[in-house]
């Protein structure tokens, strides 16, 4: 919070943590997570700092236990509840009917959770929708096409039209052309 973050996600998964869409995860006792959440709430300085409680209980303990934990974590002071990796659109739709308050949902393409359109998620009651690795997946797809063009053609000409222009990239990155020394002196 002191570093300027707008919020934090606290998880109930045991260490070492694994991606929520990987098998073999386990969770700490719910009561231990409640202690962590209460400590975070008590330590919060800015009331606008958002504390998100994530449970990975769905995979190993079932949806009922994940819902129980999400409710418990909200009562402990979490601003937002996040049940990781629900199975199927039916579970995703039912969670907001059982867990009150703001909810986060994770739409990991190719993961355990069904990819539901954002308009449906919003209608069902989700306030935060994340697509955690899709930009990386798209970047990898583009890099693969670029590498294939270079390997096959010895040139980037085949994919040049898909690229952002260099001047656009500089602007996006906030890189400005250095001013010429003579021009700076001449303006005095």
N, C-alpha and C. Protein backbone atom coordinates (compact mmCIF):
# COMPACT_ATOMS: atom_id res chain seq x y z
N UNK A 1 0.84 -1.20 0.00
CA UNK A 1 0.00 0.00 0.00
C UNK A 1 0.87 1.24 0.00
N UNK A 2 1.91 1.25 0.82
CA UNK A 2 2.81 2.41 0.89
C UNK A 2 3.57 2.61 -0.42
N UNK A 3 3.73 1.56 -1.20
CA UNK A 3 4.43 1.66 -2.48
C UNK A 3 3.53 2.22 -3.58
N UNK A 4 2.26 2.44 -3.28
CA UNK A 4 1.36 3.03 -4.26
C UNK A 4 0.40 2.06 -4.93
N UNK A 5 0.40 0.81 -4.52
CA UNK A 5 -0.53 -0.15 -5.10
C UNK A 5 -1.97 0.21 -4.72
N UNK A 6 -2.91 -0.13 -5.58
CA UNK A 6 -4.32 0.14 -5.32
C UNK A 6 -4.98 -0.97 -4.53
N UNK A 7 -4.31 -2.14 -4.46
CA UNK A 7 -4.88 -3.26 -3.76
C UNK A 7 -3.94 -4.45 -3.75
N UNK A 8 -4.42 -5.53 -3.14
CA UNK A 8 -3.62 -6.74 -3.02
C UNK A 8 -4.54 -7.95 -3.08
N UNK A 9 -4.02 -9.05 -3.64
CA UNK A 9 -4.74 -10.32 -3.62
C UNK A 9 -4.03 -11.22 -2.64
N UNK A 10 -4.75 -11.68 -1.62
CA UNK A 10 -4.22 -12.64 -0.65
C UNK A 10 -4.83 -13.99 -0.95
N UNK A 11 -3.99 -15.03 -1.01
CA UNK A 11 -4.42 -16.36 -1.41
C UNK A 11 -4.37 -17.34 -0.24
N UNK A 12 -5.20 -18.37 -0.32
CA UNK A 12 -5.19 -19.41 0.71
C UNK A 12 -4.47 -20.67 0.26
N UNK A 13 -3.72 -20.58 -0.82
CA UNK A 13 -2.98 -21.74 -1.32
C UNK A 13 -1.70 -21.93 -0.50
N UNK A 14 -1.32 -23.18 -0.30
CA UNK A 14 -0.07 -23.46 0.42
C UNK A 14 1.12 -23.12 -0.47
N UNK A 15 2.27 -22.90 0.16
CA UNK A 15 3.50 -22.66 -0.58
C UNK A 15 4.18 -23.98 -0.85
N UNK A 16 4.87 -24.13 -1.94
CA UNK A 16 5.01 -23.14 -3.01
C UNK A 16 3.72 -23.07 -3.83
N UNK A 17 3.34 -21.85 -4.16
CA UNK A 17 2.09 -21.63 -4.89
C UNK A 17 2.23 -22.06 -6.34
N UNK A 18 1.10 -22.48 -6.90
CA UNK A 18 1.05 -22.91 -8.29
C UNK A 18 -0.06 -22.15 -8.99
N UNK A 19 0.02 -22.10 -10.29
CA UNK A 19 -1.06 -21.50 -11.08
C UNK A 19 -2.37 -22.13 -10.65
N UNK A 20 -3.40 -21.33 -10.52
CA UNK A 20 -4.71 -21.82 -10.10
C UNK A 20 -5.33 -22.82 -11.04
N UNK A 21 -4.82 -22.92 -12.25
CA UNK A 21 -5.37 -23.85 -13.23
C UNK A 21 -4.49 -25.09 -13.38
N UNK A 22 -3.52 -25.27 -12.47
CA UNK A 22 -2.69 -26.47 -12.43
C UNK A 22 -3.27 -27.44 -11.40
N UNK A 23 -3.05 -28.71 -11.61
CA UNK A 23 -3.46 -29.72 -10.64
C UNK A 23 -2.46 -29.75 -9.48
N UNK A 24 -2.85 -30.40 -8.39
CA UNK A 24 -1.93 -30.62 -7.29
C UNK A 24 -1.81 -29.48 -6.30
N UNK A 25 -2.79 -28.61 -6.27
CA UNK A 25 -2.75 -27.50 -5.30
C UNK A 25 -3.41 -27.93 -4.00
N UNK A 26 -3.02 -27.28 -2.93
CA UNK A 26 -3.69 -27.48 -1.65
C UNK A 26 -3.85 -26.12 -1.00
N UNK A 27 -4.72 -26.04 -0.02
CA UNK A 27 -5.00 -24.77 0.65
C UNK A 27 -4.72 -24.89 2.14
N UNK A 28 -4.42 -23.75 2.74
CA UNK A 28 -4.22 -23.69 4.18
C UNK A 28 -5.59 -23.76 4.85
N UNK A 29 -5.65 -24.03 6.14
CA UNK A 29 -6.95 -24.00 6.82
C UNK A 29 -7.60 -22.62 6.67
N UNK A 30 -8.90 -22.62 6.47
CA UNK A 30 -9.64 -21.36 6.27
C UNK A 30 -9.43 -20.40 7.44
N UNK A 31 -9.33 -20.93 8.65
CA UNK A 31 -9.16 -20.09 9.83
C UNK A 31 -7.82 -19.35 9.79
N UNK A 32 -6.80 -19.98 9.24
CA UNK A 32 -5.49 -19.34 9.09
C UNK A 32 -5.58 -18.18 8.08
N UNK A 33 -6.33 -18.39 7.02
CA UNK A 33 -6.52 -17.33 6.03
C UNK A 33 -7.29 -16.16 6.64
N UNK A 34 -8.26 -16.45 7.47
CA UNK A 34 -9.03 -15.40 8.14
C UNK A 34 -8.10 -14.53 8.98
N UNK A 35 -7.15 -15.14 9.67
CA UNK A 35 -6.18 -14.39 10.48
C UNK A 35 -5.37 -13.46 9.58
N UNK A 36 -4.93 -13.96 8.43
CA UNK A 36 -4.16 -13.14 7.47
C UNK A 36 -5.00 -11.95 6.98
N UNK A 37 -6.25 -12.23 6.64
CA UNK A 37 -7.12 -11.17 6.14
C UNK A 37 -7.38 -10.11 7.20
N UNK A 38 -7.65 -10.53 8.41
CA UNK A 38 -7.90 -9.56 9.48
C UNK A 38 -6.67 -8.70 9.74
N UNK A 39 -5.48 -9.31 9.66
CA UNK A 39 -4.24 -8.55 9.83
C UNK A 39 -4.09 -7.52 8.71
N UNK A 40 -4.43 -7.90 7.48
CA UNK A 40 -4.35 -6.98 6.35
C UNK A 40 -5.34 -5.83 6.50
N UNK A 41 -6.56 -6.15 6.92
CA UNK A 41 -7.58 -5.13 7.14
C UNK A 41 -7.14 -4.17 8.24
N UNK A 42 -6.59 -4.70 9.33
CA UNK A 42 -6.14 -3.86 10.44
C UNK A 42 -4.95 -2.98 10.04
N UNK A 43 -4.11 -3.48 9.13
CA UNK A 43 -2.93 -2.73 8.70
C UNK A 43 -3.23 -1.71 7.61
N UNK A 44 -4.39 -1.80 7.00
CA UNK A 44 -4.74 -0.90 5.90
C UNK A 44 -4.74 0.54 6.38
N UNK A 45 -4.10 1.41 5.61
CA UNK A 45 -4.04 2.84 5.92
C UNK A 45 -5.13 3.60 5.16
N UNK A 46 -5.19 3.37 3.87
CA UNK A 46 -6.14 4.05 2.99
C UNK A 46 -7.39 3.19 2.85
N UNK A 47 -8.55 3.71 3.20
CA UNK A 47 -9.77 2.91 3.10
C UNK A 47 -10.11 2.52 1.67
N UNK A 48 -9.50 3.18 0.68
CA UNK A 48 -9.73 2.83 -0.72
C UNK A 48 -8.83 1.70 -1.21
N UNK A 49 -7.87 1.28 -0.39
CA UNK A 49 -6.99 0.17 -0.74
C UNK A 49 -7.82 -1.11 -0.72
N UNK A 50 -7.83 -1.85 -1.82
CA UNK A 50 -8.72 -3.00 -1.99
C UNK A 50 -8.01 -4.30 -1.59
N UNK A 51 -8.64 -5.05 -0.72
CA UNK A 51 -8.13 -6.35 -0.30
C UNK A 51 -9.00 -7.42 -0.94
N UNK A 52 -8.37 -8.22 -1.80
CA UNK A 52 -9.05 -9.29 -2.52
C UNK A 52 -8.63 -10.62 -1.90
N UNK A 53 -9.61 -11.44 -1.54
CA UNK A 53 -9.34 -12.75 -0.96
C UNK A 53 -9.59 -13.82 -2.02
N UNK A 54 -8.54 -14.56 -2.31
CA UNK A 54 -8.63 -15.63 -3.32
C UNK A 54 -8.61 -16.98 -2.62
N UNK A 55 -9.50 -17.86 -3.06
CA UNK A 55 -9.45 -19.23 -2.59
C UNK A 55 -9.22 -20.18 -3.76
N UNK A 56 -8.33 -21.12 -3.53
CA UNK A 56 -8.04 -22.18 -4.50
C UNK A 56 -8.67 -23.50 -4.06
N UNK A 57 -9.67 -23.43 -3.20
CA UNK A 57 -10.29 -24.63 -2.64
C UNK A 57 -11.12 -25.40 -3.66
N UNK A 58 -11.55 -24.77 -4.74
CA UNK A 58 -12.43 -25.45 -5.71
C UNK A 58 -11.85 -26.76 -6.21
N UNK A 59 -10.58 -26.73 -6.58
CA UNK A 59 -9.98 -27.90 -7.23
C UNK A 59 -9.93 -29.11 -6.30
N UNK A 60 -9.40 -28.97 -5.12
CA UNK A 60 -9.21 -30.13 -4.26
C UNK A 60 -10.34 -30.40 -3.28
N UNK A 61 -11.12 -29.38 -2.97
CA UNK A 61 -12.13 -29.53 -1.93
C UNK A 61 -13.56 -29.32 -2.42
N UNK A 62 -13.72 -28.90 -3.67
CA UNK A 62 -15.06 -28.76 -4.24
C UNK A 62 -15.61 -27.34 -4.18
N UNK A 63 -16.64 -27.13 -4.97
CA UNK A 63 -17.24 -25.80 -5.08
C UNK A 63 -17.91 -25.36 -3.78
N UNK A 64 -18.53 -26.28 -3.06
CA UNK A 64 -19.20 -25.91 -1.81
C UNK A 64 -18.20 -25.36 -0.80
N UNK A 65 -17.03 -25.99 -0.70
CA UNK A 65 -16.01 -25.50 0.23
C UNK A 65 -15.43 -24.17 -0.25
N UNK A 66 -15.28 -24.01 -1.55
CA UNK A 66 -14.78 -22.73 -2.08
C UNK A 66 -15.76 -21.60 -1.77
N UNK A 67 -17.05 -21.86 -1.93
CA UNK A 67 -18.07 -20.86 -1.61
C UNK A 67 -18.07 -20.55 -0.12
N UNK A 68 -17.97 -21.59 0.72
CA UNK A 68 -17.93 -21.38 2.17
C UNK A 68 -16.76 -20.47 2.54
N UNK A 69 -15.60 -20.75 1.97
CA UNK A 69 -14.42 -19.95 2.26
C UNK A 69 -14.59 -18.51 1.76
N UNK A 70 -15.12 -18.33 0.56
CA UNK A 70 -15.31 -16.97 0.03
C UNK A 70 -16.20 -16.14 0.95
N UNK A 71 -17.28 -16.76 1.46
CA UNK A 71 -18.17 -16.07 2.40
C UNK A 71 -17.43 -15.72 3.69
N UNK A 72 -16.67 -16.66 4.19
CA UNK A 72 -15.91 -16.46 5.41
C UNK A 72 -14.90 -15.33 5.25
N UNK A 73 -14.23 -15.30 4.11
CA UNK A 73 -13.21 -14.28 3.85
C UNK A 73 -13.85 -12.89 3.70
N UNK A 74 -15.03 -12.82 3.11
CA UNK A 74 -15.73 -11.53 3.02
C UNK A 74 -16.10 -11.06 4.43
N UNK A 75 -16.59 -11.97 5.27
CA UNK A 75 -16.93 -11.60 6.66
C UNK A 75 -15.70 -11.16 7.44
N UNK A 76 -14.53 -11.69 7.07
CA UNK A 76 -13.28 -11.31 7.75
C UNK A 76 -12.78 -9.94 7.31
N UNK A 77 -13.43 -9.35 6.29
CA UNK A 77 -13.06 -7.99 5.88
C UNK A 77 -12.57 -7.84 4.47
N UNK A 78 -12.45 -8.92 3.71
CA UNK A 78 -12.03 -8.80 2.31
C UNK A 78 -13.06 -7.97 1.54
N UNK A 79 -12.57 -7.07 0.71
CA UNK A 79 -13.46 -6.23 -0.09
C UNK A 79 -14.04 -6.98 -1.28
N UNK A 80 -13.25 -7.90 -1.81
CA UNK A 80 -13.62 -8.66 -3.01
C UNK A 80 -13.29 -10.13 -2.77
N UNK A 81 -14.16 -11.02 -3.23
CA UNK A 81 -13.90 -12.47 -3.15
C UNK A 81 -13.57 -12.99 -4.54
N UNK A 82 -12.68 -13.98 -4.57
CA UNK A 82 -12.22 -14.56 -5.83
C UNK A 82 -12.09 -16.06 -5.65
N UNK A 83 -13.01 -16.81 -6.27
CA UNK A 83 -12.93 -18.27 -6.29
C UNK A 83 -12.20 -18.65 -7.57
N UNK A 84 -11.00 -19.18 -7.42
CA UNK A 84 -10.19 -19.53 -8.58
C UNK A 84 -10.65 -20.84 -9.20
N UNK A 85 -10.67 -20.84 -10.54
CA UNK A 85 -10.88 -22.02 -11.37
C UNK A 85 -12.19 -22.77 -11.16
N UNK A 86 -13.34 -22.07 -11.15
CA UNK A 86 -14.60 -22.82 -11.12
C UNK A 86 -14.73 -23.62 -12.42
N UNK A 87 -15.46 -24.72 -12.34
CA UNK A 87 -15.62 -25.60 -13.50
C UNK A 87 -16.95 -25.32 -14.18
N UNK A 88 -16.92 -24.90 -15.41
CA UNK A 88 -18.13 -24.72 -16.19
C UNK A 88 -18.86 -23.42 -15.92
N UNK A 89 -19.59 -22.99 -16.92
CA UNK A 89 -20.35 -21.75 -16.83
C UNK A 89 -21.41 -21.81 -15.74
N UNK A 90 -21.95 -23.01 -15.47
CA UNK A 90 -22.98 -23.13 -14.44
C UNK A 90 -22.44 -22.77 -13.07
N UNK A 91 -21.23 -23.21 -12.74
CA UNK A 91 -20.63 -22.83 -11.45
C UNK A 91 -20.34 -21.33 -11.41
N UNK A 92 -19.83 -20.80 -12.49
CA UNK A 92 -19.53 -19.36 -12.54
C UNK A 92 -20.80 -18.56 -12.31
N UNK A 93 -21.88 -18.98 -12.91
CA UNK A 93 -23.15 -18.27 -12.77
C UNK A 93 -23.72 -18.37 -11.36
N UNK A 94 -23.53 -19.51 -10.70
CA UNK A 94 -24.11 -19.72 -9.36
C UNK A 94 -23.35 -18.99 -8.25
N UNK A 95 -22.06 -18.79 -8.42
CA UNK A 95 -21.24 -18.19 -7.35
C UNK A 95 -21.82 -16.86 -6.87
N UNK A 96 -22.18 -15.92 -7.76
CA UNK A 96 -22.72 -14.64 -7.26
C UNK A 96 -24.06 -14.77 -6.53
N UNK A 97 -24.78 -15.85 -6.74
CA UNK A 97 -26.03 -16.05 -6.00
C UNK A 97 -25.76 -16.52 -4.58
N UNK A 98 -24.54 -17.05 -4.35
CA UNK A 98 -24.20 -17.60 -3.05
C UNK A 98 -23.22 -16.72 -2.25
N UNK A 99 -22.39 -15.98 -2.95
CA UNK A 99 -21.40 -15.12 -2.29
C UNK A 99 -21.78 -13.68 -2.59
N UNK A 100 -22.13 -12.95 -1.57
CA UNK A 100 -22.56 -11.56 -1.76
C UNK A 100 -21.36 -10.62 -1.75
N UNK A 101 -21.52 -9.51 -2.44
CA UNK A 101 -20.46 -8.52 -2.50
C UNK A 101 -19.67 -8.63 -3.79
N UNK A 102 -18.73 -7.72 -3.97
CA UNK A 102 -17.94 -7.72 -5.21
C UNK A 102 -17.18 -9.03 -5.40
N UNK A 103 -17.18 -9.50 -6.65
CA UNK A 103 -16.50 -10.75 -7.00
C UNK A 103 -15.56 -10.52 -8.18
N UNK A 104 -14.44 -11.23 -8.15
CA UNK A 104 -13.49 -11.25 -9.26
C UNK A 104 -13.59 -12.61 -9.91
N UNK A 105 -13.49 -12.64 -11.24
CA UNK A 105 -13.46 -13.90 -11.97
C UNK A 105 -12.30 -13.85 -12.96
N UNK A 106 -11.67 -15.01 -13.13
CA UNK A 106 -10.47 -15.17 -13.93
C UNK A 106 -10.81 -15.94 -15.20
N UNK A 107 -10.67 -15.32 -16.35
CA UNK A 107 -10.96 -15.97 -17.63
C UNK A 107 -9.66 -16.38 -18.32
N UNK A 108 -9.09 -17.49 -17.89
CA UNK A 108 -7.84 -17.96 -18.47
C UNK A 108 -8.14 -18.88 -19.65
N UNK A 109 -7.88 -18.39 -20.84
CA UNK A 109 -8.16 -19.14 -22.06
C UNK A 109 -7.38 -20.46 -22.05
N UNK A 110 -8.12 -21.57 -22.15
CA UNK A 110 -7.50 -22.88 -22.13
C UNK A 110 -7.34 -23.46 -20.74
N UNK A 111 -7.75 -22.70 -19.72
CA UNK A 111 -7.66 -23.19 -18.35
C UNK A 111 -8.89 -24.00 -17.97
N UNK A 112 -9.06 -24.23 -16.68
CA UNK A 112 -10.16 -25.05 -16.18
C UNK A 112 -11.51 -24.34 -16.24
N UNK A 113 -11.49 -23.01 -16.25
CA UNK A 113 -12.72 -22.22 -16.21
C UNK A 113 -13.24 -21.97 -17.62
N UNK A 114 -14.54 -22.13 -17.80
CA UNK A 114 -15.14 -21.82 -19.10
C UNK A 114 -14.96 -20.34 -19.40
N UNK A 115 -14.70 -20.02 -20.65
CA UNK A 115 -14.56 -18.62 -21.05
C UNK A 115 -15.94 -18.07 -21.38
N UNK A 116 -16.47 -17.27 -20.48
CA UNK A 116 -17.81 -16.72 -20.59
C UNK A 116 -17.70 -15.27 -21.04
N UNK A 117 -18.56 -14.80 -21.96
CA UNK A 117 -18.51 -13.41 -22.38
C UNK A 117 -18.64 -12.43 -21.20
N UNK A 118 -17.91 -11.34 -21.26
CA UNK A 118 -17.91 -10.35 -20.18
C UNK A 118 -19.31 -9.83 -19.88
N UNK A 119 -20.12 -9.66 -20.90
CA UNK A 119 -21.48 -9.13 -20.66
C UNK A 119 -22.29 -10.08 -19.77
N UNK A 120 -22.10 -11.39 -19.95
CA UNK A 120 -22.79 -12.36 -19.09
C UNK A 120 -22.24 -12.32 -17.68
N UNK A 121 -20.92 -12.25 -17.55
CA UNK A 121 -20.29 -12.19 -16.23
C UNK A 121 -20.78 -10.97 -15.46
N UNK A 122 -20.85 -9.84 -16.15
CA UNK A 122 -21.33 -8.61 -15.52
C UNK A 122 -22.79 -8.76 -15.10
N UNK A 123 -23.59 -9.33 -15.97
CA UNK A 123 -25.01 -9.54 -15.67
C UNK A 123 -25.20 -10.46 -14.47
N UNK A 124 -24.34 -11.45 -14.34
CA UNK A 124 -24.42 -12.40 -13.23
C UNK A 124 -23.95 -11.79 -11.92
N UNK A 125 -23.18 -10.68 -11.98
CA UNK A 125 -22.78 -10.00 -10.75
C UNK A 125 -21.29 -9.83 -10.52
N UNK A 126 -20.45 -10.22 -11.47
CA UNK A 126 -19.01 -10.05 -11.29
C UNK A 126 -18.63 -8.59 -11.54
N UNK A 127 -17.76 -8.06 -10.68
CA UNK A 127 -17.32 -6.67 -10.79
C UNK A 127 -15.94 -6.53 -11.42
N UNK A 128 -15.12 -7.59 -11.31
CA UNK A 128 -13.78 -7.56 -11.87
C UNK A 128 -13.58 -8.83 -12.70
N UNK A 129 -13.19 -8.65 -13.95
CA UNK A 129 -12.91 -9.77 -14.85
C UNK A 129 -11.47 -9.62 -15.31
N UNK A 130 -10.66 -10.66 -15.11
CA UNK A 130 -9.27 -10.60 -15.54
C UNK A 130 -9.00 -11.66 -16.60
N UNK A 131 -8.14 -11.30 -17.52
CA UNK A 131 -7.64 -12.19 -18.56
C UNK A 131 -6.13 -12.23 -18.34
N UNK A 132 -5.64 -13.14 -17.48
CA UNK A 132 -4.29 -13.04 -16.93
C UNK A 132 -3.12 -13.27 -17.87
N UNK A 133 -3.27 -14.10 -18.88
CA UNK A 133 -2.12 -14.38 -19.75
C UNK A 133 -2.43 -14.23 -21.23
N UNK A 134 -3.60 -13.74 -21.54
CA UNK A 134 -3.99 -13.64 -22.95
C UNK A 134 -3.08 -12.70 -23.73
N UNK A 135 -2.64 -11.61 -23.14
CA UNK A 135 -1.72 -10.72 -23.86
C UNK A 135 -0.40 -11.44 -24.14
N UNK A 136 0.07 -12.24 -23.20
CA UNK A 136 1.29 -13.02 -23.42
C UNK A 136 1.07 -14.07 -24.51
N UNK A 137 -0.11 -14.69 -24.52
CA UNK A 137 -0.42 -15.69 -25.55
C UNK A 137 -0.46 -15.04 -26.94
N UNK A 138 -1.04 -13.85 -27.02
CA UNK A 138 -1.08 -13.14 -28.31
C UNK A 138 0.33 -12.72 -28.73
N UNK A 139 1.12 -12.23 -27.79
CA UNK A 139 2.49 -11.83 -28.11
C UNK A 139 3.29 -13.04 -28.60
N UNK A 140 3.12 -14.19 -27.96
CA UNK A 140 3.83 -15.39 -28.38
C UNK A 140 3.40 -15.81 -29.79
N UNK A 141 2.12 -15.67 -30.10
CA UNK A 141 1.62 -15.99 -31.44
C UNK A 141 2.29 -15.09 -32.47
N UNK A 142 2.36 -13.81 -32.18
CA UNK A 142 3.00 -12.86 -33.10
C UNK A 142 4.50 -13.14 -33.24
N UNK A 143 5.16 -13.43 -32.12
CA UNK A 143 6.59 -13.73 -32.19
C UNK A 143 6.84 -14.99 -33.02
N UNK A 144 5.96 -15.97 -32.88
CA UNK A 144 6.10 -17.19 -33.67
C UNK A 144 5.96 -16.88 -35.17
N UNK A 145 4.96 -16.03 -35.53
CA UNK A 145 4.78 -15.66 -36.94
C UNK A 145 6.00 -14.89 -37.46
N UNK A 146 6.53 -13.98 -36.65
CA UNK A 146 7.70 -13.21 -37.04
C UNK A 146 8.91 -14.13 -37.25
N UNK A 147 9.14 -15.03 -36.30
CA UNK A 147 10.28 -15.96 -36.42
C UNK A 147 10.12 -16.84 -37.66
N UNK A 148 8.89 -17.29 -37.95
CA UNK A 148 8.65 -18.13 -39.12
C UNK A 148 8.95 -17.35 -40.39
N UNK A 149 8.53 -16.09 -40.45
CA UNK A 149 8.81 -15.26 -41.64
C UNK A 149 10.31 -15.09 -41.83
N UNK A 150 11.03 -14.80 -40.76
CA UNK A 150 12.49 -14.62 -40.86
C UNK A 150 13.16 -15.91 -41.29
N UNK A 151 12.76 -17.02 -40.69
CA UNK A 151 13.36 -18.32 -41.03
C UNK A 151 13.04 -18.73 -42.47
N UNK A 152 11.78 -18.55 -42.87
CA UNK A 152 11.37 -18.99 -44.21
C UNK A 152 11.83 -18.05 -45.32
N UNK A 153 11.71 -16.73 -45.06
CA UNK A 153 11.93 -15.75 -46.12
C UNK A 153 13.23 -14.96 -45.97
N UNK A 154 13.81 -15.00 -44.78
CA UNK A 154 14.99 -14.16 -44.53
C UNK A 154 14.63 -12.69 -44.47
N UNK A 155 13.37 -12.40 -44.13
CA UNK A 155 12.86 -11.02 -44.16
C UNK A 155 11.61 -10.94 -43.28
N UNK A 156 11.27 -9.72 -42.90
CA UNK A 156 10.04 -9.51 -42.13
C UNK A 156 8.91 -8.99 -43.01
N UNK A 157 9.15 -8.93 -44.32
CA UNK A 157 8.17 -8.33 -45.23
C UNK A 157 6.79 -8.97 -45.11
N UNK A 158 6.71 -10.28 -44.91
CA UNK A 158 5.43 -10.98 -44.85
C UNK A 158 4.56 -10.49 -43.69
N UNK A 159 5.17 -10.09 -42.58
CA UNK A 159 4.40 -9.69 -41.39
C UNK A 159 4.48 -8.19 -41.10
N UNK A 160 5.15 -7.45 -41.96
CA UNK A 160 5.34 -6.00 -41.73
C UNK A 160 4.02 -5.28 -41.49
N UNK A 161 2.97 -5.65 -42.20
CA UNK A 161 1.67 -4.98 -42.05
C UNK A 161 1.00 -5.24 -40.71
N UNK A 162 1.45 -6.24 -39.97
CA UNK A 162 0.88 -6.56 -38.65
C UNK A 162 1.56 -5.79 -37.53
N UNK A 163 2.68 -5.16 -37.86
CA UNK A 163 3.49 -4.50 -36.83
C UNK A 163 3.01 -3.08 -36.55
N UNK A 164 3.18 -2.67 -35.32
CA UNK A 164 2.99 -1.28 -34.97
C UNK A 164 4.15 -0.50 -35.61
N UNK A 165 3.90 0.70 -36.07
CA UNK A 165 4.97 1.50 -36.68
C UNK A 165 5.97 1.92 -35.60
N UNK A 166 7.23 2.12 -36.01
CA UNK A 166 8.29 2.48 -35.08
C UNK A 166 7.97 3.78 -34.34
N UNK A 167 7.43 4.79 -35.05
CA UNK A 167 7.09 6.05 -34.39
C UNK A 167 5.97 5.84 -33.36
N UNK A 168 5.03 4.93 -33.65
CA UNK A 168 3.97 4.62 -32.68
C UNK A 168 4.56 3.92 -31.45
N UNK A 169 5.50 3.01 -31.68
CA UNK A 169 6.16 2.30 -30.58
C UNK A 169 6.90 3.27 -29.67
N UNK A 170 7.64 4.20 -30.26
CA UNK A 170 8.37 5.20 -29.45
C UNK A 170 7.40 6.02 -28.60
N UNK A 171 6.30 6.42 -29.21
CA UNK A 171 5.30 7.21 -28.47
C UNK A 171 4.69 6.37 -27.35
N UNK A 172 4.35 5.12 -27.65
CA UNK A 172 3.78 4.22 -26.66
C UNK A 172 4.71 4.03 -25.47
N UNK A 173 6.00 3.90 -25.74
CA UNK A 173 6.99 3.69 -24.69
C UNK A 173 7.45 4.99 -24.03
N UNK A 174 6.98 6.12 -24.54
CA UNK A 174 7.37 7.41 -23.96
C UNK A 174 8.80 7.80 -24.30
N UNK A 175 9.28 7.33 -25.43
CA UNK A 175 10.64 7.65 -25.85
C UNK A 175 10.60 8.82 -26.83
N UNK A 176 11.24 9.89 -26.46
CA UNK A 176 11.27 11.07 -27.31
C UNK A 176 12.63 11.17 -27.98
N UNK A 177 12.66 11.74 -29.17
CA UNK A 177 13.93 11.99 -29.85
C UNK A 177 14.73 12.99 -29.03
N UNK A 178 16.03 12.72 -28.82
CA UNK A 178 16.83 13.72 -28.11
C UNK A 178 16.94 14.99 -28.94
N UNK A 179 16.91 16.12 -28.26
CA UNK A 179 17.02 17.40 -28.96
C UNK A 179 18.47 17.61 -29.35
N UNK A 180 18.66 18.16 -30.53
CA UNK A 180 20.02 18.45 -31.01
C UNK A 180 20.63 19.54 -30.13
N UNK A 181 21.92 19.40 -29.82
CA UNK A 181 22.59 20.36 -28.95
C UNK A 181 22.58 21.76 -29.57
N UNK A 182 22.82 21.86 -30.84
CA UNK A 182 22.87 23.17 -31.51
C UNK A 182 21.52 23.86 -31.46
N UNK A 183 20.46 23.10 -31.63
CA UNK A 183 19.10 23.68 -31.61
C UNK A 183 18.79 24.23 -30.25
N UNK A 184 19.26 23.53 -29.19
CA UNK A 184 19.00 24.00 -27.83
C UNK A 184 19.74 25.29 -27.56
N UNK A 185 20.99 25.41 -28.05
CA UNK A 185 21.79 26.63 -27.84
C UNK A 185 21.22 27.79 -28.66
N UNK A 186 20.78 27.52 -29.86
CA UNK A 186 20.30 28.57 -30.74
C UNK A 186 19.02 29.21 -30.25
N UNK A 187 18.31 28.56 -29.35
CA UNK A 187 17.04 29.10 -28.88
C UNK A 187 17.20 30.05 -27.72
N UNK A 188 18.45 30.27 -27.28
CA UNK A 188 18.64 31.16 -26.12
C UNK A 188 18.49 32.58 -26.48
